């Protein structure tokens, strides 16, 4: 599934992932390919993603800018203060505040 992770001032990640773990307002949950349509609020916590096939772009804090990679099955984790997620037609839009420490 395709995902875009955005903050008010920058893009954190765009590309294909095989799964995403999110800190939902009512508890943590996971998104997989072909997930049903969904809109949910997110609380402070960790977001985890596993990259899928193909090229993806991510914000590299060491470079203070975007970097490209195409390594499949790479585990990426970062923390957020709060946000929202929308899932529709295998596309995920993650709008967050306070994203930091992508590894």
PDB file of N, CA and C in Angstrom:
ATOM      1  N   UNK A   1       0.843  -1.171   0.000  1.00  0.00           N
ATOM      2  CA  UNK A   1       0.000   0.000   0.000  1.00  0.00           C
ATOM      3  C   UNK A   1       0.888   1.233   0.000  1.00  0.00           C
ATOM      4  N   UNK A   2       0.371   2.303  -0.554  1.00  0.00           N
ATOM      5  CA  UNK A   2       1.126   3.547  -0.657  1.00  0.00           C
ATOM      6  C   UNK A   2       0.813   4.418   0.554  1.00  0.00           C
ATOM      7  N   UNK A   3       1.852   5.049   1.127  1.00  0.00           N
ATOM      8  CA  UNK A   3       1.656   5.892   2.296  1.00  0.00           C
ATOM      9  C   UNK A   3       2.383   7.224   2.128  1.00  0.00           C
ATOM     10  N   UNK A   4       1.757   8.262   2.647  1.00  0.00           N
ATOM     11  CA  UNK A   4       2.372   9.584   2.764  1.00  0.00           C
ATOM     12  C   UNK A   4       2.287   9.981   4.223  1.00  0.00           C
ATOM     13  N   UNK A   5       3.431  10.349   4.810  1.00  0.00           N
ATOM     14  CA  UNK A   5       3.472  10.809   6.199  1.00  0.00           C
ATOM     15  C   UNK A   5       3.879  12.280   6.160  1.00  0.00           C
ATOM     16  N   UNK A   6       2.970  13.146   6.631  1.00  0.00           N
ATOM     17  CA  UNK A   6       3.172  14.582   6.540  1.00  0.00           C
ATOM     18  C   UNK A   6       3.053  15.254   7.893  1.00  0.00           C
ATOM     19  N   UNK A   7       3.883  16.279   8.106  1.00  0.00           N
ATOM     20  CA  UNK A   7       3.759  17.162   9.265  1.00  0.00           C
ATOM     21  C   UNK A   7       3.390  18.539   8.711  1.00  0.00           C
ATOM     22  N   UNK A   8       3.065  19.495   9.578  1.00  0.00           N
ATOM     23  CA  UNK A   8       2.738  20.825   9.060  1.00  0.00           C
ATOM     24  C   UNK A   8       3.877  21.484   8.276  1.00  0.00           C
ATOM     25  N   UNK A   9       5.127  21.099   8.533  1.00  0.00           N
ATOM     26  CA  UNK A   9       6.236  21.775   7.862  1.00  0.00           C
ATOM     27  C   UNK A   9       7.067  20.915   6.913  1.00  0.00           C
ATOM     28  N   UNK A  10       6.817  19.598   6.824  1.00  0.00           N
ATOM     29  CA  UNK A  10       7.613  18.783   5.912  1.00  0.00           C
ATOM     30  C   UNK A  10       6.983  17.406   5.678  1.00  0.00           C
ATOM     31  N   UNK A  11       7.479  16.762   4.647  1.00  0.00           N
ATOM     32  CA  UNK A  11       7.118  15.381   4.356  1.00  0.00           C
ATOM     33  C   UNK A  11       8.111  14.490   5.091  1.00  0.00           C
ATOM     34  N   UNK A  12       7.612  13.470   5.785  1.00  0.00           N
ATOM     35  CA  UNK A  12       8.458  12.536   6.527  1.00  0.00           C
ATOM     36  C   UNK A  12       8.756  11.276   5.708  1.00  0.00           C
ATOM     37  N   UNK A  13       7.747  10.787   4.967  1.00  0.00           N
ATOM     38  CA  UNK A  13       7.921   9.548   4.217  1.00  0.00           C
ATOM     39  C   UNK A  13       6.881   9.476   3.107  1.00  0.00           C
ATOM     40  N   UNK A  14       7.275   8.989   1.936  1.00  0.00           N
ATOM     41  CA  UNK A  14       6.344   8.640   0.864  1.00  0.00           C
ATOM     42  C   UNK A  14       6.857   7.374   0.200  1.00  0.00           C
ATOM     43  N   UNK A  15       5.972   6.451  -0.086  1.00  0.00           N
ATOM     44  CA  UNK A  15       6.359   5.221  -0.761  1.00  0.00           C
ATOM     45  C   UNK A  15       5.463   4.066  -0.380  1.00  0.00           C
ATOM     46  N   UNK A  16       5.878   2.870  -0.762  1.00  0.00           N
ATOM     47  CA  UNK A  16       5.101   1.664  -0.484  1.00  0.00           C
ATOM     48  C   UNK A  16       5.570   1.007   0.817  1.00  0.00           C
ATOM     49  N   UNK A  17       4.605   0.543   1.583  1.00  0.00           N
ATOM     50  CA  UNK A  17       4.890  -0.200   2.807  1.00  0.00           C
ATOM     51  C   UNK A  17       4.013  -1.451   2.818  1.00  0.00           C
ATOM     52  N   UNK A  18       4.460  -2.463   3.558  1.00  0.00           N
ATOM     53  CA  UNK A  18       3.651  -3.679   3.670  1.00  0.00           C
ATOM     54  C   UNK A  18       2.779  -3.660   4.918  1.00  0.00           C
ATOM     55  N   UNK A  19       3.200  -2.885   5.933  1.00  0.00           N
ATOM     56  CA  UNK A  19       2.361  -2.729   7.121  1.00  0.00           C
ATOM     57  C   UNK A  19       2.769  -1.493   7.898  1.00  0.00           C
ATOM     58  N   UNK A  20       1.803  -0.983   8.678  1.00  0.00           N
ATOM     59  CA  UNK A  20       2.001   0.215   9.499  1.00  0.00           C
ATOM     60  C   UNK A  20       1.351  -0.028  10.849  1.00  0.00           C
ATOM     61  N   UNK A  21       2.069   0.244  11.935  1.00  0.00           N
ATOM     62  CA  UNK A  21       1.527   0.179  13.287  1.00  0.00           C
ATOM     63  C   UNK A  21       1.343   1.588  13.812  1.00  0.00           C
ATOM     64  N   UNK A  22       0.164   1.875  14.375  1.00  0.00           N
ATOM     65  CA  UNK A  22      -0.182   3.238  14.787  1.00  0.00           C
ATOM     66  C   UNK A  22      -0.714   3.294  16.214  1.00  0.00           C
ATOM     67  N   UNK A  23      -0.474   4.417  16.916  1.00  0.00           N
ATOM     68  CA  UNK A  23      -1.023   4.600  18.263  1.00  0.00           C
ATOM     69  C   UNK A  23      -2.403   5.261  18.199  1.00  0.00           C
ATOM     70  N   UNK A  24      -3.443   4.481  18.072  1.00  0.00           N
ATOM     71  CA  UNK A  24      -4.795   5.015  17.962  1.00  0.00           C
ATOM     72  C   UNK A  24      -5.321   5.562  19.272  1.00  0.00           C
ATOM     73  N   UNK A  25      -6.323   6.411  19.189  1.00  0.00           N
ATOM     74  CA  UNK A  25      -6.932   7.014  20.376  1.00  0.00           C
ATOM     75  C   UNK A  25      -7.538   5.951  21.294  1.00  0.00           C
ATOM     76  N   UNK A  26      -7.998   4.844  20.715  1.00  0.00           N
ATOM     77  CA  UNK A  26      -8.589   3.758  21.510  1.00  0.00           C
ATOM     78  C   UNK A  26      -7.668   2.554  21.627  1.00  0.00           C
ATOM     79  N   UNK A  27      -6.383   2.736  21.343  1.00  0.00           N
ATOM     80  CA  UNK A  27      -5.412   1.648  21.421  1.00  0.00           C
ATOM     81  C   UNK A  27      -4.657   1.502  20.114  1.00  0.00           C
ATOM     82  N   UNK A  28      -3.539   0.824  20.180  1.00  0.00           N
ATOM     83  CA  UNK A  28      -2.701   0.624  18.990  1.00  0.00           C
ATOM     84  C   UNK A  28      -3.405  -0.274  17.988  1.00  0.00           C
ATOM     85  N   UNK A  29      -3.131  -0.031  16.702  1.00  0.00           N
ATOM     86  CA  UNK A  29      -3.686  -0.890  15.654  1.00  0.00           C
ATOM     87  C   UNK A  29      -2.724  -0.930  14.483  1.00  0.00           C
ATOM     88  N   UNK A  30      -2.972  -1.877  13.580  1.00  0.00           N
ATOM     89  CA  UNK A  30      -2.084  -2.105  12.452  1.00  0.00           C
ATOM     90  C   UNK A  30      -2.862  -2.041  11.151  1.00  0.00           C
ATOM     91  N   UNK A  31      -2.233  -1.491  10.113  1.00  0.00           N
ATOM     92  CA  UNK A  31      -2.809  -1.450   8.774  1.00  0.00           C
ATOM     93  C   UNK A  31      -2.013  -2.375   7.868  1.00  0.00           C
ATOM     94  N   UNK A  32      -2.720  -3.182   7.091  1.00  0.00           N
ATOM     95  CA  UNK A  32      -2.105  -4.070   6.110  1.00  0.00           C
ATOM     96  C   UNK A  32      -2.685  -3.769   4.741  1.00  0.00           C
ATOM     97  N   UNK A  33      -2.122  -4.358   3.681  1.00  0.00           N
ATOM     98  CA  UNK A  33      -2.649  -4.167   2.329  1.00  0.00           C
ATOM     99  C   UNK A  33      -4.149  -4.419   2.288  1.00  0.00           C
ATOM    100  N   UNK A  34      -4.820  -3.626   1.473  1.00  0.00           N
ATOM    101  CA  UNK A  34      -6.261  -3.747   1.232  1.00  0.00           C
ATOM    102  C   UNK A  34      -7.107  -3.566   2.487  1.00  0.00           C
ATOM    103  N   UNK A  35      -6.641  -2.720   3.394  1.00  0.00           N
ATOM    104  CA  UNK A  35      -7.408  -2.419   4.616  1.00  0.00           C
ATOM    105  C   UNK A  35      -8.699  -1.701   4.238  1.00  0.00           C
ATOM    106  N   UNK A  36      -9.731  -1.916   5.009  1.00  0.00           N
ATOM    107  CA  UNK A  36     -11.002  -1.230   4.791  1.00  0.00           C
ATOM    108  C   UNK A  36     -10.819   0.271   4.969  1.00  0.00           C
ATOM    109  N   UNK A  37     -11.661   1.090   4.312  1.00  0.00           N
ATOM    110  CA  UNK A  37     -11.573   2.542   4.503  1.00  0.00           C
ATOM    111  C   UNK A  37     -11.682   2.896   5.986  1.00  0.00           C
ATOM    112  N   UNK A  38     -10.901   3.910   6.391  1.00  0.00           N
ATOM    113  CA  UNK A  38     -10.807   4.246   7.809  1.00  0.00           C
ATOM    114  C   UNK A  38     -10.344   5.684   7.970  1.00  0.00           C
ATOM    115  N   UNK A  39     -10.882   6.359   8.974  1.00  0.00           N
ATOM    116  CA  UNK A  39     -10.357   7.636   9.445  1.00  0.00           C
ATOM    117  C   UNK A  39     -10.278   7.509  10.959  1.00  0.00           C
ATOM    118  N   UNK A  40      -9.107   7.846  11.534  1.00  0.00           N
ATOM    119  CA  UNK A  40      -8.930   7.700  12.974  1.00  0.00           C
ATOM    120  C   UNK A  40      -7.997   8.772  13.505  1.00  0.00           C
ATOM    121  N   UNK A  41      -8.236   9.179  14.744  1.00  0.00           N
ATOM    122  CA  UNK A  41      -7.304  10.075  15.413  1.00  0.00           C
ATOM    123  C   UNK A  41      -6.194   9.250  16.052  1.00  0.00           C
ATOM    124  N   UNK A  42      -5.036   9.878  16.215  1.00  0.00           N
ATOM    125  CA  UNK A  42      -3.877   9.214  16.797  1.00  0.00           C
ATOM    126  C   UNK A  42      -3.418   9.986  18.020  1.00  0.00           C
ATOM    127  N   UNK A  43      -2.904   9.258  18.995  1.00  0.00           N
ATOM    128  CA  UNK A  43      -2.366   9.877  20.202  1.00  0.00           C
ATOM    129  C   UNK A  43      -0.841   9.795  20.162  1.00  0.00           C
ATOM    130  N   UNK A  44      -0.211  10.346  21.175  1.00  0.00           N
ATOM    131  CA  UNK A  44       1.244  10.281  21.266  1.00  0.00           C
ATOM    132  C   UNK A  44       1.684   8.822  21.328  1.00  0.00           C
ATOM    133  N   UNK A  45       2.738   8.494  20.588  1.00  0.00           N
ATOM    134  CA  UNK A  45       3.242   7.126  20.599  1.00  0.00           C
ATOM    135  C   UNK A  45       4.144   6.871  19.413  1.00  0.00           C
ATOM    136  N   UNK A  46       4.414   5.583  19.189  1.00  0.00           N
ATOM    137  CA  UNK A  46       5.320   5.166  18.120  1.00  0.00           C
ATOM    138  C   UNK A  46       4.557   4.729  16.885  1.00  0.00           C
ATOM    139  N   UNK A  47       5.088   5.131  15.742  1.00  0.00           N
ATOM    140  CA  UNK A  47       4.604   4.662  14.449  1.00  0.00           C
ATOM    141  C   UNK A  47       5.684   3.750  13.896  1.00  0.00           C
ATOM    142  N   UNK A  48       5.294   2.547  13.480  1.00  0.00           N
ATOM    143  CA  UNK A  48       6.240   1.599  12.888  1.00  0.00           C
ATOM    144  C   UNK A  48       5.769   1.252  11.482  1.00  0.00           C
ATOM    145  N   UNK A  49       6.718   1.165  10.558  1.00  0.00           N
ATOM    146  CA  UNK A  49       6.402   0.818   9.176  1.00  0.00           C
ATOM    147  C   UNK A  49       7.410  -0.203   8.681  1.00  0.00           C
ATOM    148  N   UNK A  50       6.971  -1.062   7.783  1.00  0.00           N
ATOM    149  CA  UNK A  50       7.861  -1.989   7.079  1.00  0.00           C
ATOM    150  C   UNK A  50       7.743  -1.656   5.606  1.00  0.00           C
ATOM    151  N   UNK A  51       8.884  -1.283   4.989  1.00  0.00           N
ATOM    152  CA  UNK A  51       8.851  -0.859   3.597  1.00  0.00           C
ATOM    153  C   UNK A  51       8.506  -2.028   2.681  1.00  0.00           C
ATOM    154  N   UNK A  52       7.837  -1.679   1.591  1.00  0.00           N
ATOM    155  CA  UNK A  52       7.490  -2.658   0.578  1.00  0.00           C
ATOM    156  C   UNK A  52       8.474  -2.585  -0.578  1.00  0.00           C
ATOM    157  N   UNK A  53       8.057  -3.076  -1.727  1.00  0.00           N
ATOM    158  CA  UNK A  53       8.927  -3.046  -2.901  1.00  0.00           C
ATOM    159  C   UNK A  53       8.883  -1.666  -3.545  1.00  0.00           C
ATOM    160  N   UNK A  54       9.948  -1.332  -4.231  1.00  0.00           N
ATOM    161  CA  UNK A  54      10.012  -0.064  -4.935  1.00  0.00           C
ATOM    162  C   UNK A  54      10.743   1.011  -4.153  1.00  0.00           C
ATOM    163  N   UNK A  55      10.912   2.143  -4.804  1.00  0.00           N
ATOM    164  CA  UNK A  55      11.643   3.265  -4.208  1.00  0.00           C
ATOM    165  C   UNK A  55      10.749   4.037  -3.244  1.00  0.00           C
ATOM    166  N   UNK A  56      11.348   4.546  -2.182  1.00  0.00           N
ATOM    167  CA  UNK A  56      10.629   5.392  -1.236  1.00  0.00           C
ATOM    168  C   UNK A  56      11.516   6.554  -0.824  1.00  0.00           C
ATOM    169  N   UNK A  57      10.879   7.625  -0.379  1.00  0.00           N
ATOM    170  CA  UNK A  57      11.567   8.826   0.072  1.00  0.00           C
ATOM    171  C   UNK A  57      11.293   9.016   1.552  1.00  0.00           C
ATOM    172  N   UNK A  58      12.318   9.419   2.295  1.00  0.00           N
ATOM    173  CA  UNK A  58      12.140   9.642   3.730  1.00  0.00           C
ATOM    174  C   UNK A  58      12.977  10.827   4.176  1.00  0.00           C
ATOM    175  N   UNK A  59      12.548  11.488   5.245  1.00  0.00           N
ATOM    176  CA  UNK A  59      13.280  12.630   5.773  1.00  0.00           C
ATOM    177  C   UNK A  59      14.455  12.117   6.589  1.00  0.00           C
ATOM    178  N   UNK A  60      15.652  12.530   6.201  1.00  0.00           N
ATOM    179  CA  UNK A  60      16.885  12.120   6.870  1.00  0.00           C
ATOM    180  C   UNK A  60      17.337  13.270   7.772  1.00  0.00           C
ATOM    181  N   UNK A  61      17.218  13.082   9.085  1.00  0.00           N
ATOM    182  CA  UNK A  61      17.567  14.142  10.027  1.00  0.00           C
ATOM    183  C   UNK A  61      19.049  14.505   9.960  1.00  0.00           C
ATOM    184  N   UNK A  62      19.930  13.545   9.640  1.00  0.00           N
ATOM    185  CA  UNK A  62      21.357  13.836   9.527  1.00  0.00           C
ATOM    186  C   UNK A  62      21.641  14.805   8.372  1.00  0.00           C
ATOM    187  N   UNK A  63      20.884  14.668   7.282  1.00  0.00           N
ATOM    188  CA  UNK A  63      21.061  15.532   6.115  1.00  0.00           C
ATOM    189  C   UNK A  63      20.127  16.744   6.145  1.00  0.00           C
ATOM    190  N   UNK A  64      19.174  16.740   7.063  1.00  0.00           N
ATOM    191  CA  UNK A  64      18.138  17.779   7.118  1.00  0.00           C
ATOM    192  C   UNK A  64      17.417  17.914   5.786  1.00  0.00           C
ATOM    193  N   UNK A  65      17.124  16.772   5.176  1.00  0.00           N
ATOM    194  CA  UNK A  65      16.430  16.769   3.896  1.00  0.00           C
ATOM    195  C   UNK A  65      15.993  15.374   3.524  1.00  0.00           C
ATOM    196  N   UNK A  66      15.394  15.267   2.347  1.00  0.00           N
ATOM    197  CA  UNK A  66      14.865  13.996   1.883  1.00  0.00           C
ATOM    198  C   UNK A  66      15.970  13.122   1.290  1.00  0.00           C
ATOM    199  N   UNK A  67      15.845  11.811   1.512  1.00  0.00           N
ATOM    200  CA  UNK A  67      16.730  10.808   0.928  1.00  0.00           C
ATOM    201  C   UNK A  67      15.883   9.750   0.256  1.00  0.00           C
ATOM    202  N   UNK A  68      16.481   9.023  -0.691  1.00  0.00           N
ATOM    203  CA  UNK A  68      15.784   7.945  -1.392  1.00  0.00           C
ATOM    204  C   UNK A  68      16.438   6.621  -1.039  1.00  0.00           C
ATOM    205  N   UNK A  69      15.619   5.569  -1.058  1.00  0.00           N
ATOM    206  CA  UNK A  69      16.115   4.220  -0.822  1.00  0.00           C
ATOM    207  C   UNK A  69      15.140   3.260  -1.493  1.00  0.00           C
ATOM    208  N   UNK A  70      15.534   2.015  -1.642  1.00  0.00           N
ATOM    209  CA  UNK A  70      14.638   1.007  -2.209  1.00  0.00           C
ATOM    210  C   UNK A  70      14.803  -0.337  -1.515  1.00  0.00           C
ATOM    211  N   UNK A  71      15.334  -0.324  -0.286  1.00  0.00           N
ATOM    212  CA  UNK A  71      15.527  -1.555   0.473  1.00  0.00           C
ATOM    213  C   UNK A  71      14.172  -2.072   0.959  1.00  0.00           C
ATOM    214  N   UNK A  72      13.753  -3.268   0.501  1.00  0.00           N
ATOM    215  CA  UNK A  72      12.473  -3.807   0.986  1.00  0.00           C
ATOM    216  C   UNK A  72      12.607  -4.358   2.410  1.00  0.00           C
ATOM    217  N   UNK A  73      11.498  -4.450   3.095  1.00  0.00           N
ATOM    218  CA  UNK A  73      11.421  -5.004   4.453  1.00  0.00           C
ATOM    219  C   UNK A  73      12.269  -4.239   5.468  1.00  0.00           C
ATOM    220  N   UNK A  74      12.497  -2.980   5.222  1.00  0.00           N
ATOM    221  CA  UNK A  74      13.218  -2.131   6.180  1.00  0.00           C
ATOM    222  C   UNK A  74      12.216  -1.660   7.238  1.00  0.00           C
ATOM    223  N   UNK A  75      12.581  -1.801   8.493  1.00  0.00           N
ATOM    224  CA  UNK A  75      11.720  -1.380   9.601  1.00  0.00           C
ATOM    225  C   UNK A  75      12.059   0.062   9.978  1.00  0.00           C
ATOM    226  N   UNK A  76      11.070   0.943   9.912  1.00  0.00           N
ATOM    227  CA  UNK A  76      11.242   2.351  10.270  1.00  0.00           C
ATOM    228  C   UNK A  76      10.332   2.665  11.452  1.00  0.00           C
ATOM    229  N   UNK A  77      10.859   3.403  12.416  1.00  0.00           N
ATOM    230  CA  UNK A  77      10.100   3.763  13.610  1.00  0.00           C
ATOM    231  C   UNK A  77      10.320   5.234  13.913  1.00  0.00           C
ATOM    232  N   UNK A  78       9.257   5.919  14.288  1.00  0.00           N
ATOM    233  CA  UNK A  78       9.378   7.296  14.758  1.00  0.00           C
ATOM    234  C   UNK A  78       8.248   7.570  15.736  1.00  0.00           C
ATOM    235  N   UNK A  79       8.404   8.605  16.525  1.00  0.00           N
ATOM    236  CA  UNK A  79       7.375   8.937  17.511  1.00  0.00           C
ATOM    237  C   UNK A  79       6.617  10.174  17.057  1.00  0.00           C
ATOM    238  N   UNK A  80       5.360  10.266  17.491  1.00  0.00           N
ATOM    239  CA  UNK A  80       4.514  11.415  17.172  1.00  0.00           C
ATOM    240  C   UNK A  80       3.856  11.918  18.455  1.00  0.00           C
ATOM    241  N   UNK A  81       3.406  13.166  18.415  1.00  0.00           N
ATOM    242  CA  UNK A  81       2.647  13.726  19.532  1.00  0.00           C
ATOM    243  C   UNK A  81       1.158  13.462  19.374  1.00  0.00           C
ATOM    244  N   UNK A  82       0.679  13.560  18.141  1.00  0.00           N
ATOM    245  CA  UNK A  82      -0.729  13.291  17.824  1.00  0.00           C
ATOM    246  C   UNK A  82      -0.905  13.384  16.316  1.00  0.00           C
ATOM    247  N   UNK A  83      -2.104  13.026  15.835  1.00  0.00           N
ATOM    248  CA  UNK A  83      -2.350  13.128  14.406  1.00  0.00           C
ATOM    249  C   UNK A  83      -3.622  12.444  13.977  1.00  0.00           C
ATOM    250  N   UNK A  84      -3.726  12.233  12.664  1.00  0.00           N
ATOM    251  CA  UNK A  84      -4.867  11.567  12.052  1.00  0.00           C
ATOM    252  C   UNK A  84      -4.369  10.650  10.956  1.00  0.00           C
ATOM    253  N   UNK A  85      -5.128   9.599  10.698  1.00  0.00           N
ATOM    254  CA  UNK A  85      -4.820   8.701   9.592  1.00  0.00           C
ATOM    255  C   UNK A  85      -6.096   8.516   8.768  1.00  0.00           C
ATOM    256  N   UNK A  86      -5.908   8.453   7.443  1.00  0.00           N
ATOM    257  CA  UNK A  86      -6.998   8.176   6.515  1.00  0.00           C
ATOM    258  C   UNK A  86      -6.540   7.048   5.610  1.00  0.00           C
ATOM    259  N   UNK A  87      -7.386   6.036   5.439  1.00  0.00           N
ATOM    260  CA  UNK A  87      -7.092   4.910   4.554  1.00  0.00           C
ATOM    261  C   UNK A  87      -8.219   4.820   3.535  1.00  0.00           C
ATOM    262  N   UNK A  88      -7.872   4.801   2.253  1.00  0.00           N
ATOM    263  CA  UNK A  88      -8.869   4.686   1.199  1.00  0.00           C
ATOM    264  C   UNK A  88      -8.195   4.131  -0.052  1.00  0.00           C
ATOM    265  N   UNK A  89      -8.749   3.049  -0.601  1.00  0.00           N
ATOM    266  CA  UNK A  89      -8.246   2.440  -1.842  1.00  0.00           C
ATOM    267  C   UNK A  89      -6.752   2.116  -1.782  1.00  0.00           C
ATOM    268  N   UNK A  90      -6.329   1.521  -0.682  1.00  0.00           N
ATOM    269  CA  UNK A  90      -4.940   1.090  -0.490  1.00  0.00           C
ATOM    270  C   UNK A  90      -3.948   2.257  -0.462  1.00  0.00           C
ATOM    271  N   UNK A  91      -4.446   3.450  -0.150  1.00  0.00           N
ATOM    272  CA  UNK A  91      -3.595   4.619   0.052  1.00  0.00           C
ATOM    273  C   UNK A  91      -3.807   5.128   1.469  1.00  0.00           C
ATOM    274  N   UNK A  92      -2.704   5.399   2.150  1.00  0.00           N
ATOM    275  CA  UNK A  92      -2.736   5.853   3.543  1.00  0.00           C
ATOM    276  C   UNK A  92      -2.154   7.262   3.610  1.00  0.00           C
ATOM    277  N   UNK A  93      -2.902   8.165   4.230  1.00  0.00           N
ATOM    278  CA  UNK A  93      -2.413   9.514   4.489  1.00  0.00           C
ATOM    279  C   UNK A  93      -2.319   9.671   5.993  1.00  0.00           C
ATOM    280  N   UNK A  94      -1.119   9.924   6.449  1.00  0.00           N
ATOM    281  CA  UNK A  94      -0.844  10.060   7.873  1.00  0.00           C
ATOM    282  C   UNK A  94      -0.428  11.508   8.117  1.00  0.00           C
ATOM    283  N   UNK A  95      -1.259  12.257   8.836  1.00  0.00           N
ATOM    284  CA  UNK A  95      -1.006  13.665   9.134  1.00  0.00           C
ATOM    285  C   UNK A  95      -0.690  13.757  10.617  1.00  0.00           C
ATOM    286  N   UNK A  96       0.546  14.144  10.947  1.00  0.00           N
ATOM    287  CA  UNK A  96       1.000  14.080  12.335  1.00  0.00           C
ATOM    288  C   UNK A  96       1.673  15.377  12.777  1.00  0.00           C
ATOM    289  N   UNK A  97       1.716  15.558  14.086  1.00  0.00           N
ATOM    290  CA  UNK A  97       2.465  16.657  14.692  1.00  0.00           C
ATOM    291  C   UNK A  97       3.512  16.050  15.608  1.00  0.00           C
ATOM    292  N   UNK A  98       4.651  16.708  15.680  1.00  0.00           N
ATOM    293  CA  UNK A  98       5.700  16.273  16.587  1.00  0.00           C
ATOM    294  C   UNK A  98       6.427  15.014  16.166  1.00  0.00           C
ATOM    295  N   UNK A  99       6.569  14.758  14.859  1.00  0.00           N
ATOM    296  CA  UNK A  99       7.294  13.570  14.396  1.00  0.00           C
ATOM    297  C   UNK A  99       8.787  13.764  14.612  1.00  0.00           C
ATOM    298  N   UNK A 100       9.441  12.726  15.185  1.00  0.00           N
ATOM    299  CA  UNK A 100      10.875  12.826  15.430  1.00  0.00           C
ATOM    300  C   UNK A 100      11.518  11.431  15.517  1.00  0.00           C
ATOM    301  N   UNK A 101      12.833  11.446  15.320  1.00  0.00           N
ATOM    302  CA  UNK A 101      13.677  10.253  15.476  1.00  0.00           C
ATOM    303  C   UNK A 101      13.324   9.098  14.557  1.00  0.00           C
ATOM    304  N   UNK A 102      13.253   9.333  13.250  1.00  0.00           N
ATOM    305  CA  UNK A 102      13.016   8.222  12.333  1.00  0.00           C
ATOM    306  C   UNK A 102      14.266   7.359  12.283  1.00  0.00           C
ATOM    307  N   UNK A 103      14.090   6.048  12.521  1.00  0.00           N
ATOM    308  CA  UNK A 103      15.207   5.096  12.462  1.00  0.00           C
ATOM    309  C   UNK A 103      14.805   3.922  11.609  1.00  0.00           C
TER     310      UNK A 103
END
